[in-house]
Amino acid sequence: MSTNKKDPRAMRSQRMLKEALVALLNEKTELQALTVKKVADKAELNRATFYLHFVDLNDLLKDLVKDIFSDLEEKLKPLLLLESSNERTQLLSYLDYFYNHRIMFSVLFKEDRFKRKMHKEIKSFIKARRTNRQVLDGPERFSLDILASAMFGVIEWWLEEGTEHSSEYIVNQIELLFRR
């Protein structure tokens, strides 16, 4: 028997705690107002179970953020392919992830560390896409920081102020931004 396999009960408890944290964030609970007890109660687990899996709320939050970035990375992978024939649909899928989790993101966007990490991930994506497509940075090209900031700014504005706009509308705006 492999020792690398996780106990299904442990995986289920961790998932339940993460789902409880997301549910609390979706209720617009501020991060500062969260407690281990609130998360454990929402997950219908006890605090001892929480502490079996996480050191504290920051540890749980870090694990959740890691999952979020992993999900977003999966959504972006097809956009890095040179022969990506359905870029618009893939970008819509990426933006739909934000929209479907908009309340949670609006809470997370209040945290500077999260915003910096999101900006860094978008910048890395743009850089990888340029490299894969052999787009050279010249004086006529926007800097990676400017493009990443613009894309992040569009997403942040959309989730905080413009949720009446569809993902399709936002894709149109991003395409205008990135059009050569």
N, C-alpha and C. Protein backbone atom coordinates (compact mmCIF):
# COMPACT_ATOMS: atom_id res chain seq x y z
N MET A 1 0.83 -1.19 0.00
CA MET A 1 0.00 0.00 0.00
C MET A 1 0.88 1.25 0.00
N SER A 2 0.57 2.19 -0.86
CA SER A 2 1.35 3.41 -0.99
C SER A 2 1.10 4.33 0.20
N THR A 3 2.18 4.89 0.72
CA THR A 3 2.05 5.83 1.84
C THR A 3 1.78 7.24 1.34
N ASN A 4 1.82 7.44 0.01
CA ASN A 4 1.57 8.76 -0.56
C ASN A 4 0.08 9.07 -0.68
N LYS A 5 -0.75 8.03 -0.63
CA LYS A 5 -2.19 8.27 -0.74
C LYS A 5 -2.72 8.90 0.55
N LYS A 6 -3.59 9.86 0.35
CA LYS A 6 -4.21 10.51 1.50
C LYS A 6 -5.45 9.74 1.91
N ASP A 7 -5.71 9.79 3.18
CA ASP A 7 -6.91 9.18 3.74
C ASP A 7 -8.13 9.92 3.17
N PRO A 8 -9.08 9.19 2.59
CA PRO A 8 -10.27 9.85 2.01
C PRO A 8 -11.04 10.68 3.04
N ARG A 9 -11.03 10.25 4.29
CA ARG A 9 -11.74 11.02 5.32
C ARG A 9 -11.04 12.36 5.55
N ALA A 10 -9.72 12.34 5.53
CA ALA A 10 -8.96 13.58 5.71
C ALA A 10 -9.20 14.52 4.54
N MET A 11 -9.21 13.97 3.33
CA MET A 11 -9.47 14.78 2.15
C MET A 11 -10.87 15.38 2.19
N ARG A 12 -11.84 14.59 2.64
CA ARG A 12 -13.22 15.07 2.74
C ARG A 12 -13.31 16.19 3.79
N SER A 13 -12.67 16.01 4.92
CA SER A 13 -12.70 17.04 5.97
C SER A 13 -12.05 18.33 5.48
N GLN A 14 -10.91 18.21 4.80
CA GLN A 14 -10.25 19.41 4.27
C GLN A 14 -11.14 20.11 3.25
N ARG A 15 -11.77 19.34 2.37
CA ARG A 15 -12.67 19.91 1.39
C ARG A 15 -13.83 20.62 2.08
N MET A 16 -14.40 19.99 3.10
CA MET A 16 -15.53 20.58 3.82
C MET A 16 -15.12 21.89 4.50
N LEU A 17 -13.93 21.94 5.05
CA LEU A 17 -13.45 23.16 5.70
C LEU A 17 -13.22 24.27 4.67
N LYS A 18 -12.68 23.91 3.52
CA LYS A 18 -12.49 24.91 2.46
C LYS A 18 -13.84 25.41 1.95
N GLU A 19 -14.77 24.50 1.75
CA GLU A 19 -16.10 24.89 1.29
C GLU A 19 -16.78 25.80 2.31
N ALA A 20 -16.57 25.52 3.59
CA ALA A 20 -17.15 26.36 4.64
C ALA A 20 -16.53 27.75 4.60
N LEU A 21 -15.22 27.81 4.40
CA LEU A 21 -14.54 29.10 4.30
C LEU A 21 -15.08 29.89 3.11
N VAL A 22 -15.23 29.24 1.97
CA VAL A 22 -15.78 29.90 0.78
C VAL A 22 -17.21 30.36 1.06
N ALA A 23 -18.01 29.53 1.69
CA ALA A 23 -19.39 29.89 2.00
C ALA A 23 -19.43 31.13 2.90
N LEU A 24 -18.57 31.16 3.90
CA LEU A 24 -18.51 32.33 4.78
C LEU A 24 -18.06 33.58 4.02
N LEU A 25 -17.09 33.41 3.14
CA LEU A 25 -16.64 34.55 2.34
C LEU A 25 -17.76 35.01 1.40
N ASN A 26 -18.52 34.06 0.88
CA ASN A 26 -19.64 34.41 -0.01
C ASN A 26 -20.77 35.10 0.74
N GLU A 27 -20.79 34.93 2.04
CA GLU A 27 -21.76 35.65 2.87
C GLU A 27 -21.25 37.05 3.19
N LYS A 28 -20.14 37.40 2.53
CA LYS A 28 -19.48 38.69 2.72
C LYS A 28 -18.90 38.85 4.12
N THR A 29 -18.50 37.74 4.68
CA THR A 29 -17.81 37.79 5.97
C THR A 29 -16.40 38.32 5.73
N GLU A 30 -16.02 39.32 6.46
CA GLU A 30 -14.66 39.86 6.35
C GLU A 30 -13.66 38.85 6.88
N LEU A 31 -12.49 38.82 6.29
CA LEU A 31 -11.45 37.88 6.72
C LEU A 31 -11.13 38.05 8.21
N GLN A 32 -11.10 39.30 8.65
CA GLN A 32 -10.77 39.58 10.05
C GLN A 32 -11.83 39.06 11.02
N ALA A 33 -13.05 38.87 10.53
CA ALA A 33 -14.14 38.41 11.40
C ALA A 33 -14.22 36.89 11.47
N LEU A 34 -13.44 36.20 10.65
CA LEU A 34 -13.47 34.74 10.65
C LEU A 34 -12.76 34.18 11.87
N THR A 35 -13.30 33.07 12.37
CA THR A 35 -12.65 32.34 13.45
C THR A 35 -12.65 30.86 13.08
N VAL A 36 -11.78 30.11 13.73
CA VAL A 36 -11.75 28.67 13.51
C VAL A 36 -13.11 28.08 13.87
N LYS A 37 -13.70 28.56 14.95
CA LYS A 37 -15.01 28.05 15.37
C LYS A 37 -16.07 28.28 14.30
N LYS A 38 -16.10 29.49 13.71
CA LYS A 38 -17.09 29.78 12.67
C LYS A 38 -16.92 28.86 11.47
N VAL A 39 -15.68 28.64 11.06
CA VAL A 39 -15.42 27.79 9.90
C VAL A 39 -15.78 26.35 10.22
N ALA A 40 -15.36 25.87 11.40
CA ALA A 40 -15.67 24.49 11.79
C ALA A 40 -17.18 24.28 11.92
N ASP A 41 -17.85 25.24 12.53
CA ASP A 41 -19.31 25.13 12.66
C ASP A 41 -19.99 25.09 11.29
N LYS A 42 -19.54 25.96 10.39
CA LYS A 42 -20.13 25.99 9.05
C LYS A 42 -19.90 24.67 8.32
N ALA A 43 -18.73 24.04 8.57
CA ALA A 43 -18.41 22.75 7.94
C ALA A 43 -19.07 21.58 8.67
N GLU A 44 -19.69 21.89 9.79
CA GLU A 44 -20.31 20.87 10.65
C GLU A 44 -19.27 19.86 11.13
N LEU A 45 -18.10 20.42 11.48
CA LEU A 45 -17.01 19.65 12.06
C LEU A 45 -16.62 20.33 13.36
N ASN A 46 -15.82 19.65 14.16
CA ASN A 46 -15.39 20.31 15.39
C ASN A 46 -14.02 20.97 15.19
N ARG A 47 -13.66 21.81 16.14
CA ARG A 47 -12.40 22.53 16.04
C ARG A 47 -11.21 21.59 16.05
N ALA A 48 -11.31 20.49 16.77
CA ALA A 48 -10.21 19.52 16.80
C ALA A 48 -9.93 18.98 15.40
N THR A 49 -10.99 18.74 14.64
CA THR A 49 -10.82 18.27 13.26
C THR A 49 -10.13 19.34 12.43
N PHE A 50 -10.52 20.59 12.63
CA PHE A 50 -9.86 21.69 11.92
C PHE A 50 -8.36 21.64 12.18
N TYR A 51 -7.98 21.53 13.46
CA TYR A 51 -6.57 21.57 13.83
C TYR A 51 -5.80 20.30 13.44
N LEU A 52 -6.51 19.25 13.11
CA LEU A 52 -5.84 18.07 12.56
C LEU A 52 -5.28 18.35 11.17
N HIS A 53 -5.92 19.28 10.45
CA HIS A 53 -5.57 19.52 9.06
C HIS A 53 -4.89 20.86 8.80
N PHE A 54 -5.15 21.84 9.64
CA PHE A 54 -4.61 23.18 9.42
C PHE A 54 -4.09 23.74 10.74
N VAL A 55 -3.03 24.52 10.64
CA VAL A 55 -2.42 25.13 11.82
C VAL A 55 -3.33 26.24 12.37
N ASP A 56 -3.85 27.04 11.45
CA ASP A 56 -4.72 28.16 11.82
C ASP A 56 -5.51 28.59 10.58
N LEU A 57 -6.26 29.67 10.71
CA LEU A 57 -7.05 30.16 9.57
C LEU A 57 -6.18 30.58 8.40
N ASN A 58 -5.02 31.16 8.70
CA ASN A 58 -4.11 31.56 7.62
C ASN A 58 -3.66 30.35 6.81
N ASP A 59 -3.41 29.25 7.49
CA ASP A 59 -3.01 28.01 6.82
C ASP A 59 -4.13 27.52 5.90
N LEU A 60 -5.35 27.55 6.39
CA LEU A 60 -6.51 27.16 5.57
C LEU A 60 -6.66 28.11 4.38
N LEU A 61 -6.54 29.40 4.62
CA LEU A 61 -6.66 30.39 3.56
C LEU A 61 -5.58 30.19 2.50
N LYS A 62 -4.35 29.94 2.94
CA LYS A 62 -3.26 29.69 1.99
C LYS A 62 -3.56 28.48 1.12
N ASP A 63 -4.09 27.44 1.72
CA ASP A 63 -4.43 26.23 0.97
C ASP A 63 -5.55 26.52 -0.03
N LEU A 64 -6.53 27.30 0.38
CA LEU A 64 -7.63 27.68 -0.51
C LEU A 64 -7.10 28.52 -1.67
N VAL A 65 -6.24 29.48 -1.38
CA VAL A 65 -5.68 30.34 -2.42
C VAL A 65 -4.84 29.50 -3.39
N LYS A 66 -4.11 28.53 -2.86
CA LYS A 66 -3.34 27.62 -3.73
C LYS A 66 -4.28 26.88 -4.68
N ASP A 67 -5.41 26.43 -4.17
CA ASP A 67 -6.40 25.75 -5.02
C ASP A 67 -6.97 26.70 -6.08
N ILE A 68 -7.23 27.93 -5.70
CA ILE A 68 -7.77 28.91 -6.64
C ILE A 68 -6.80 29.13 -7.78
N PHE A 69 -5.52 29.33 -7.45
CA PHE A 69 -4.53 29.57 -8.50
C PHE A 69 -4.30 28.34 -9.35
N SER A 70 -4.43 27.18 -8.76
CA SER A 70 -4.33 25.95 -9.52
C SER A 70 -5.48 25.85 -10.52
N ASP A 71 -6.69 26.17 -10.07
CA ASP A 71 -7.86 26.17 -10.96
C ASP A 71 -7.69 27.18 -12.09
N LEU A 72 -7.23 28.38 -11.74
CA LEU A 72 -7.05 29.42 -12.76
C LEU A 72 -5.96 29.02 -13.76
N GLU A 73 -4.91 28.40 -13.28
CA GLU A 73 -3.84 27.94 -14.16
C GLU A 73 -4.37 26.91 -15.16
N GLU A 74 -5.24 26.01 -14.68
CA GLU A 74 -5.85 25.02 -15.58
C GLU A 74 -6.69 25.70 -16.65
N LYS A 75 -7.38 26.77 -16.27
CA LYS A 75 -8.21 27.50 -17.23
C LYS A 75 -7.35 28.22 -18.27
N LEU A 76 -6.13 28.63 -17.88
CA LEU A 76 -5.26 29.38 -18.78
C LEU A 76 -4.40 28.49 -19.68
N LYS A 77 -4.16 27.26 -19.28
CA LYS A 77 -3.27 26.38 -20.05
C LYS A 77 -3.62 26.33 -21.54
N PRO A 78 -4.90 26.15 -21.90
CA PRO A 78 -5.21 26.08 -23.34
C PRO A 78 -4.86 27.37 -24.08
N LEU A 79 -4.87 28.50 -23.39
CA LEU A 79 -4.56 29.77 -24.05
C LEU A 79 -3.07 29.92 -24.35
N LEU A 80 -2.24 29.06 -23.76
CA LEU A 80 -0.81 29.12 -24.02
C LEU A 80 -0.42 28.33 -25.26
N LEU A 81 -1.30 27.49 -25.75
CA LEU A 81 -1.00 26.66 -26.91
C LEU A 81 -0.95 27.51 -28.17
N LEU A 82 0.01 27.20 -29.02
CA LEU A 82 0.15 27.96 -30.27
C LEU A 82 -1.02 27.76 -31.21
N GLU A 83 -1.60 26.59 -31.18
CA GLU A 83 -2.67 26.27 -32.13
C GLU A 83 -4.04 26.36 -31.46
N SER A 84 -4.15 27.22 -30.52
CA SER A 84 -5.41 27.38 -29.81
C SER A 84 -6.44 28.02 -30.73
N SER A 85 -7.38 27.20 -31.21
CA SER A 85 -8.35 27.69 -32.19
C SER A 85 -9.57 28.34 -31.54
N ASN A 86 -9.73 28.15 -30.27
CA ASN A 86 -10.93 28.64 -29.61
C ASN A 86 -10.58 29.55 -28.43
N GLU A 87 -9.73 30.52 -28.69
CA GLU A 87 -9.23 31.39 -27.62
C GLU A 87 -10.35 32.13 -26.90
N ARG A 88 -11.30 32.60 -27.64
CA ARG A 88 -12.40 33.37 -27.05
C ARG A 88 -13.16 32.53 -26.03
N THR A 89 -13.48 31.28 -26.39
CA THR A 89 -14.20 30.38 -25.49
C THR A 89 -13.36 30.09 -24.25
N GLN A 90 -12.06 29.92 -24.44
CA GLN A 90 -11.19 29.63 -23.31
C GLN A 90 -11.07 30.83 -22.38
N LEU A 91 -10.98 32.03 -22.96
CA LEU A 91 -10.94 33.23 -22.15
C LEU A 91 -12.26 33.42 -21.41
N LEU A 92 -13.37 33.10 -22.06
CA LEU A 92 -14.67 33.15 -21.39
C LEU A 92 -14.71 32.19 -20.20
N SER A 93 -14.16 31.01 -20.38
CA SER A 93 -14.12 30.03 -19.30
C SER A 93 -13.31 30.56 -18.11
N TYR A 94 -12.20 31.21 -18.41
CA TYR A 94 -11.35 31.81 -17.37
C TYR A 94 -12.12 32.89 -16.62
N LEU A 95 -12.76 33.78 -17.37
CA LEU A 95 -13.52 34.87 -16.74
C LEU A 95 -14.74 34.36 -15.99
N ASP A 96 -15.37 33.30 -16.51
CA ASP A 96 -16.52 32.73 -15.81
C ASP A 96 -16.13 32.21 -14.43
N TYR A 97 -14.90 31.72 -14.30
CA TYR A 97 -14.43 31.27 -12.98
C TYR A 97 -14.47 32.44 -11.99
N PHE A 98 -13.99 33.59 -12.44
CA PHE A 98 -14.03 34.77 -11.58
C PHE A 98 -15.48 35.15 -11.27
N TYR A 99 -16.30 35.15 -12.30
CA TYR A 99 -17.69 35.58 -12.11
C TYR A 99 -18.43 34.63 -11.17
N ASN A 100 -18.23 33.35 -11.34
CA ASN A 100 -18.91 32.37 -10.50
C ASN A 100 -18.46 32.43 -9.05
N HIS A 101 -17.28 32.98 -8.81
CA HIS A 101 -16.74 33.11 -7.45
C HIS A 101 -16.54 34.59 -7.09
N ARG A 102 -17.34 35.46 -7.69
CA ARG A 102 -17.14 36.90 -7.58
C ARG A 102 -17.20 37.43 -6.16
N ILE A 103 -18.08 36.91 -5.35
CA ILE A 103 -18.18 37.43 -3.98
C ILE A 103 -16.92 37.07 -3.20
N MET A 104 -16.47 35.83 -3.35
CA MET A 104 -15.24 35.42 -2.67
C MET A 104 -14.06 36.27 -3.17
N PHE A 105 -13.97 36.48 -4.49
CA PHE A 105 -12.87 37.28 -5.02
C PHE A 105 -12.95 38.72 -4.53
N SER A 106 -14.14 39.26 -4.41
CA SER A 106 -14.24 40.64 -3.94
C SER A 106 -13.71 40.77 -2.52
N VAL A 107 -13.87 39.73 -1.71
CA VAL A 107 -13.31 39.73 -0.36
C VAL A 107 -11.79 39.56 -0.43
N LEU A 108 -11.33 38.63 -1.25
CA LEU A 108 -9.89 38.37 -1.36
C LEU A 108 -9.15 39.56 -1.96
N PHE A 109 -9.80 40.29 -2.89
CA PHE A 109 -9.15 41.44 -3.51
C PHE A 109 -8.88 42.56 -2.51
N LYS A 110 -9.46 42.50 -1.35
CA LYS A 110 -9.19 43.50 -0.31
C LYS A 110 -7.83 43.27 0.34
N GLU A 111 -7.27 42.09 0.10
CA GLU A 111 -5.99 41.73 0.68
C GLU A 111 -4.86 42.01 -0.32
N ASP A 112 -3.93 42.87 0.07
CA ASP A 112 -2.85 43.26 -0.83
C ASP A 112 -2.01 42.08 -1.30
N ARG A 113 -1.74 41.13 -0.41
CA ARG A 113 -0.93 39.96 -0.80
C ARG A 113 -1.61 39.18 -1.91
N PHE A 114 -2.92 39.01 -1.81
CA PHE A 114 -3.66 38.28 -2.84
C PHE A 114 -3.60 39.05 -4.16
N LYS A 115 -3.80 40.35 -4.10
CA LYS A 115 -3.76 41.16 -5.32
C LYS A 115 -2.39 41.10 -5.98
N ARG A 116 -1.33 41.17 -5.18
CA ARG A 116 0.02 41.08 -5.75
C ARG A 116 0.26 39.72 -6.40
N LYS A 117 -0.21 38.66 -5.75
CA LYS A 117 -0.05 37.32 -6.32
C LYS A 117 -0.86 37.19 -7.61
N MET A 118 -2.06 37.71 -7.63
CA MET A 118 -2.89 37.64 -8.84
C MET A 118 -2.22 38.40 -9.98
N HIS A 119 -1.71 39.60 -9.68
CA HIS A 119 -1.01 40.39 -10.69
C HIS A 119 0.20 39.62 -11.22
N LYS A 120 0.95 39.01 -10.33
CA LYS A 120 2.14 38.25 -10.72
C LYS A 120 1.76 37.07 -11.62
N GLU A 121 0.67 36.38 -11.29
CA GLU A 121 0.22 35.24 -12.10
C GLU A 121 -0.22 35.69 -13.49
N ILE A 122 -0.95 36.78 -13.57
CA ILE A 122 -1.38 37.29 -14.87
C ILE A 122 -0.17 37.72 -15.69
N LYS A 123 0.79 38.37 -15.05
CA LYS A 123 2.01 38.79 -15.73
C LYS A 123 2.77 37.58 -16.25
N SER A 124 2.88 36.53 -15.45
CA SER A 124 3.56 35.30 -15.88
C SER A 124 2.86 34.67 -17.08
N PHE A 125 1.53 34.69 -17.04
CA PHE A 125 0.76 34.15 -18.15
C PHE A 125 1.03 34.94 -19.44
N ILE A 126 0.99 36.26 -19.36
CA ILE A 126 1.22 37.09 -20.54
C ILE A 126 2.63 36.85 -21.08
N LYS A 127 3.60 36.75 -20.19
CA LYS A 127 4.99 36.50 -20.61
C LYS A 127 5.10 35.14 -21.30
N ALA A 128 4.49 34.11 -20.73
CA ALA A 128 4.53 32.77 -21.33
C ALA A 128 3.84 32.77 -22.68
N ARG A 129 2.74 33.47 -22.77
CA ARG A 129 2.01 33.54 -24.04
C ARG A 129 2.84 34.23 -25.11
N ARG A 130 3.50 35.32 -24.73
CA ARG A 130 4.38 36.02 -25.67
C ARG A 130 5.52 35.11 -26.12
N THR A 131 6.11 34.40 -25.17
CA THR A 131 7.21 33.50 -25.49
C THR A 131 6.74 32.39 -26.43
N ASN A 132 5.62 31.78 -26.13
CA ASN A 132 5.09 30.71 -26.97
C ASN A 132 4.73 31.19 -28.37
N ARG A 133 4.30 32.40 -28.46
CA ARG A 133 3.90 32.95 -29.77
C ARG A 133 5.03 33.75 -30.41
N GLN A 134 6.16 33.75 -29.76
CA GLN A 134 7.37 34.43 -30.26
C GLN A 134 7.10 35.90 -30.56
N VAL A 135 6.37 36.53 -29.65
CA VAL A 135 6.14 37.97 -29.76
C VAL A 135 7.25 38.65 -28.99
N LEU A 136 8.03 39.44 -29.69
CA LEU A 136 9.17 40.09 -29.07
C LEU A 136 8.74 41.39 -28.41
N ASP A 137 9.39 41.68 -27.31
CA ASP A 137 9.15 42.96 -26.66
C ASP A 137 9.98 44.02 -27.37
N GLY A 138 9.33 44.93 -27.99
CA GLY A 138 10.01 46.04 -28.63
C GLY A 138 9.41 47.33 -28.11
N PRO A 139 9.89 48.44 -28.60
CA PRO A 139 9.36 49.72 -28.11
C PRO A 139 7.88 49.88 -28.40
N GLU A 140 7.37 49.19 -29.42
CA GLU A 140 5.95 49.32 -29.75
C GLU A 140 5.07 48.43 -28.88
N ARG A 141 5.64 47.54 -28.11
CA ARG A 141 4.88 46.61 -27.27
C ARG A 141 4.71 47.21 -25.88
N PHE A 142 3.54 47.02 -25.31
CA PHE A 142 3.33 47.42 -23.93
C PHE A 142 4.18 46.55 -23.02
N SER A 143 4.58 47.08 -21.89
CA SER A 143 5.34 46.27 -20.94
C SER A 143 4.42 45.23 -20.31
N LEU A 144 5.03 44.17 -19.83
CA LEU A 144 4.26 43.11 -19.16
C LEU A 144 3.51 43.67 -17.96
N ASP A 145 4.16 44.55 -17.21
CA ASP A 145 3.52 45.12 -16.02
C ASP A 145 2.27 45.92 -16.39
N ILE A 146 2.36 46.68 -17.46
CA ILE A 146 1.21 47.49 -17.86
C ILE A 146 0.07 46.60 -18.31
N LEU A 147 0.37 45.59 -19.13
CA LEU A 147 -0.68 44.68 -19.60
C LEU A 147 -1.29 43.89 -18.45
N ALA A 148 -0.44 43.37 -17.55
CA ALA A 148 -0.95 42.60 -16.41
C ALA A 148 -1.81 43.50 -15.51
N SER A 149 -1.35 44.72 -15.28
CA SER A 149 -2.12 45.65 -14.46
C SER A 149 -3.45 45.98 -15.11
N ALA A 150 -3.43 46.16 -16.42
CA ALA A 150 -4.67 46.48 -17.13
C ALA A 150 -5.65 45.31 -17.05
N MET A 151 -5.15 44.09 -17.31
CA MET A 151 -6.04 42.93 -17.27
C MET A 151 -6.57 42.71 -15.86
N PHE A 152 -5.69 42.80 -14.87
CA PHE A 152 -6.12 42.64 -13.49
C PHE A 152 -7.12 43.74 -13.12
N GLY A 153 -6.85 44.95 -13.56
CA GLY A 153 -7.75 46.07 -13.28
C GLY A 153 -9.13 45.86 -13.86
N VAL A 154 -9.19 45.33 -15.08
CA VAL A 154 -10.48 45.05 -15.71
C VAL A 154 -11.24 44.01 -14.89
N ILE A 155 -10.55 42.94 -14.51
CA ILE A 155 -11.20 41.88 -13.72
C ILE A 155 -11.65 42.42 -12.37
N GLU A 156 -10.80 43.15 -11.70
CA GLU A 156 -11.15 43.69 -10.38
C GLU A 156 -12.34 44.66 -10.48
N TRP A 157 -12.30 45.56 -11.46
CA TRP A 157 -13.41 46.50 -11.64
C TRP A 157 -14.70 45.73 -11.91
N TRP A 158 -14.62 44.74 -12.79
CA TRP A 158 -15.79 43.97 -13.17
C TRP A 158 -16.44 43.32 -11.96
N LEU A 159 -15.63 42.71 -11.10
CA LEU A 159 -16.18 41.99 -9.96
C LEU A 159 -16.69 42.93 -8.87
N GLU A 160 -16.11 44.12 -8.79
CA GLU A 160 -16.52 45.05 -7.74
C GLU A 160 -17.61 46.02 -8.19
N GLU A 161 -17.56 46.42 -9.46
CA GLU A 161 -18.45 47.49 -9.91
C GLU A 161 -19.36 47.11 -11.08
N GLY A 162 -18.90 46.21 -11.93
CA GLY A 162 -19.59 46.02 -13.19
C GLY A 162 -20.15 44.64 -13.43
N THR A 163 -20.62 43.98 -12.36
CA THR A 163 -21.09 42.61 -12.53
C THR A 163 -22.34 42.50 -13.40
N GLU A 164 -22.94 43.64 -13.74
CA GLU A 164 -24.08 43.55 -14.66
C GLU A 164 -23.61 43.25 -16.08
N HIS A 165 -22.31 43.39 -16.32
CA HIS A 165 -21.75 43.06 -17.63
C HIS A 165 -21.44 41.56 -17.70
N SER A 166 -21.69 40.98 -18.84
CA SER A 166 -21.44 39.55 -19.03
C SER A 166 -19.95 39.28 -19.24
N SER A 167 -19.59 38.00 -19.14
CA SER A 167 -18.23 37.58 -19.44
C SER A 167 -17.88 37.95 -20.88
N GLU A 168 -18.86 37.82 -21.76
CA GLU A 168 -18.68 38.14 -23.19
C GLU A 168 -18.26 39.60 -23.36
N TYR A 169 -18.92 40.49 -22.64
CA TYR A 169 -18.59 41.91 -22.71
C TYR A 169 -17.15 42.15 -22.24
N ILE A 170 -16.77 41.49 -21.15
CA ILE A 170 -15.42 41.67 -20.61
C ILE A 170 -14.38 41.10 -21.57
N VAL A 171 -14.68 39.97 -22.20
CA VAL A 171 -13.76 39.41 -23.20
C VAL A 171 -13.57 40.43 -24.33
N ASN A 172 -14.65 41.07 -24.76
CA ASN A 172 -14.53 42.10 -25.81
C ASN A 172 -13.60 43.22 -25.37
N GLN A 173 -13.73 43.63 -24.12
CA GLN A 173 -12.89 44.71 -23.60
C GLN A 173 -11.42 44.27 -23.54
N ILE A 174 -11.19 43.04 -23.11
CA ILE A 174 -9.81 42.53 -23.02
C ILE A 174 -9.23 42.37 -24.42
N GLU A 175 -10.04 41.90 -25.36
CA GLU A 175 -9.55 41.78 -26.75
C GLU A 175 -9.17 43.15 -27.31
N LEU A 176 -9.94 44.16 -27.01
CA LEU A 176 -9.59 45.52 -27.44
C LEU A 176 -8.27 45.95 -26.82
N LEU A 177 -8.10 45.61 -25.57
CA LEU A 177 -6.89 45.98 -24.84
C LEU A 177 -5.65 45.32 -25.44
N PHE A 178 -5.78 44.05 -25.81
CA PHE A 178 -4.63 43.29 -26.27
C PHE A 178 -4.47 43.25 -27.79
N ARG A 179 -5.41 43.85 -28.51
CA ARG A 179 -5.33 43.86 -29.97
C ARG A 179 -4.07 44.60 -30.40
N ARG A 180 -3.43 44.08 -31.42
CA ARG A 180 -2.19 44.71 -31.89
C ARG A 180 -2.47 46.00 -32.62
